[in-house]
Protein backbone atom coordinates (compact mmCIF):
# COMPACT_ATOMS: atom_id res chain seq x y z
CA UNK A 1 107.64 128.90 77.81
CA UNK A 2 111.03 127.05 78.06
CA UNK A 3 111.33 123.87 76.85
CA UNK A 4 113.40 121.67 74.78
CA UNK A 5 111.71 121.02 71.26
CA UNK A 6 113.57 117.99 70.26
CA UNK A 7 112.86 116.46 73.56
CA UNK A 8 109.36 117.31 73.11
CA UNK A 9 108.90 115.85 69.54
CA UNK A 10 110.91 112.34 70.68
CA UNK A 11 108.19 112.12 73.82
CA UNK A 12 105.42 113.10 71.26
CA UNK A 13 106.50 110.86 68.94
CA UNK A 14 106.71 107.76 71.38
CA UNK A 15 103.46 108.55 73.03
CA UNK A 16 101.88 109.41 69.67
CA UNK A 17 99.92 105.54 69.76
CA UNK A 18 98.48 106.12 73.25
CA UNK A 19 94.94 107.05 73.24
CA UNK A 20 93.42 110.54 74.13
CA UNK A 21 96.97 111.98 74.28
CA UNK A 22 97.07 115.84 74.70
CA UNK A 23 99.45 118.69 75.12
CA UNK A 24 99.02 121.32 77.70
CA UNK A 25 101.62 124.37 78.64
CA UNK A 26 101.87 124.15 82.35
CA UNK A 27 104.96 124.52 84.85
CA UNK A 28 106.22 126.91 82.39
CA UNK A 29 106.85 124.06 80.10
CA UNK A 30 105.11 121.48 77.93
CA UNK A 31 102.98 118.51 79.60
CA UNK A 32 101.73 115.67 77.98
CA UNK A 33 98.40 114.07 79.14
CA UNK A 34 96.71 110.71 78.54
CA UNK A 35 92.71 110.76 79.12
CA UNK A 36 93.40 114.14 80.88
CA UNK A 37 95.88 113.20 83.42
CA UNK A 38 99.62 114.28 83.40
CA UNK A 39 101.65 111.37 82.05
CA UNK A 40 105.03 113.72 81.87
CA UNK A 41 106.68 116.62 80.87
CA UNK A 42 109.46 118.62 79.46
CA UNK A 43 110.78 121.81 81.22
CA UNK A 44 113.98 123.05 79.99
CA UNK A 45 116.07 120.04 79.16
CA UNK A 46 114.64 117.93 81.63
CA UNK A 47 112.10 115.36 81.49
CA UNK A 48 109.53 115.44 84.39
CA UNK A 49 107.30 111.73 84.87
CA UNK A 50 104.52 111.38 87.02
CA UNK A 51 105.07 108.39 89.04
CA UNK A 52 102.97 106.04 91.34
CA UNK A 53 103.32 106.39 95.07
CA UNK A 54 104.39 102.83 95.56
CA UNK A 55 107.28 103.53 92.62
CA UNK A 56 108.06 106.75 93.86
CA UNK A 57 111.36 105.36 96.13
CA UNK A 58 112.29 102.74 93.38
CA UNK A 59 112.01 105.72 90.53
CA UNK A 60 114.01 108.11 92.63
CA UNK A 61 117.00 105.73 93.08
CA UNK A 62 117.45 105.42 89.43
CA UNK A 63 120.53 107.42 88.30
CA UNK A 64 120.12 110.92 86.88
CA UNK A 65 116.86 111.63 88.84
CA UNK A 66 116.13 114.53 91.46
CA UNK A 67 113.13 115.55 93.33
CA UNK A 68 110.88 118.16 91.56
CA UNK A 69 110.74 121.12 93.42
CA UNK A 70 109.35 124.30 92.00
CA UNK A 71 108.14 126.19 94.89
CA UNK A 72 110.55 125.24 97.86
CA UNK A 73 108.10 122.45 98.60
CA UNK A 74 108.99 118.90 97.00
CA UNK A 75 106.36 117.51 94.98
CA UNK A 76 105.89 113.60 95.47
CA UNK A 77 104.74 111.87 92.82
CA UNK A 78 107.03 113.79 90.02
CA UNK A 79 110.57 113.00 89.37
CA UNK A 80 112.62 115.03 87.30
CA UNK A 81 114.89 113.20 84.90
CA UNK A 82 118.34 114.91 83.91
CA UNK A 83 119.44 114.58 80.01
CA UNK A 84 121.92 111.67 80.88
CA UNK A 85 118.88 109.72 82.16
CA UNK A 86 116.96 109.72 79.10
CA UNK A 87 119.67 110.26 76.51
CA UNK A 88 118.70 106.67 75.04
CA UNK A 89 115.54 105.76 73.19
CA UNK A 90 115.09 102.90 75.52
CA UNK A 91 115.77 105.08 78.46
CA UNK A 92 113.29 107.65 77.20
CA UNK A 93 110.70 104.69 76.56
CA UNK A 94 111.20 103.54 79.85
CA UNK A 95 110.42 106.60 81.79
CA UNK A 96 107.64 107.29 79.31
CA UNK A 97 106.07 103.69 80.25
CA UNK A 98 106.08 104.56 83.97
CA UNK A 99 104.69 107.77 83.33
CA UNK A 100 101.65 106.40 81.06
CA UNK A 101 101.02 103.59 83.65
CA UNK A 102 100.48 106.54 86.19
CA UNK A 103 98.22 108.19 84.02
CA UNK A 104 96.48 105.03 82.95
CA UNK A 105 96.27 104.33 86.69
CA UNK A 106 94.31 107.79 87.36
CA UNK A 107 90.28 107.29 87.16
CA UNK A 108 89.02 109.03 83.65
CA UNK A 109 87.85 112.32 84.11
CA UNK A 110 84.82 113.63 83.21
CA UNK A 111 83.50 117.07 81.86
CA UNK A 112 82.54 119.06 85.09
CA UNK A 113 79.10 119.71 85.07
CA UNK A 114 78.00 123.69 85.24
CA UNK A 115 76.40 124.49 88.66
CA UNK A 116 72.44 125.14 88.03
CA UNK A 117 71.48 128.77 88.44
CA UNK A 118 69.31 128.36 91.40
CA UNK A 119 65.70 130.22 90.65
CA UNK A 120 64.10 131.83 93.71
CA UNK A 121 60.56 132.44 93.66
CA UNK A 122 58.45 134.33 95.91
CA UNK A 123 55.86 132.27 97.12
CA UNK A 124 52.48 134.40 97.51
CA UNK A 125 50.54 133.72 100.70
């Protein structure tokens, strides 16, 4: 997994006060989740930010951003921020606020129940 450890540490430090923060290795990088929903991630030296659909176009119009495209198909709802776009602490904090808002807008995830095993009984007649 290739991701910028220094960027991950900066993100971790800024998100540390968020309740139910967790990390998971995904997309070949590191993702940060709030309440089980992806907020942002670090892939190589790029910041991946999850954006609400109504704010997607505005986020894409900001400088130093590009579409997230890992499979040849753009992934709407995710914005890739290049290093110049998160260079300052304020800029990084602004992007993390966008991702946090998106994660908090999702309904909370609950543990999935395991399906019951069906027991088949033969009925004597």
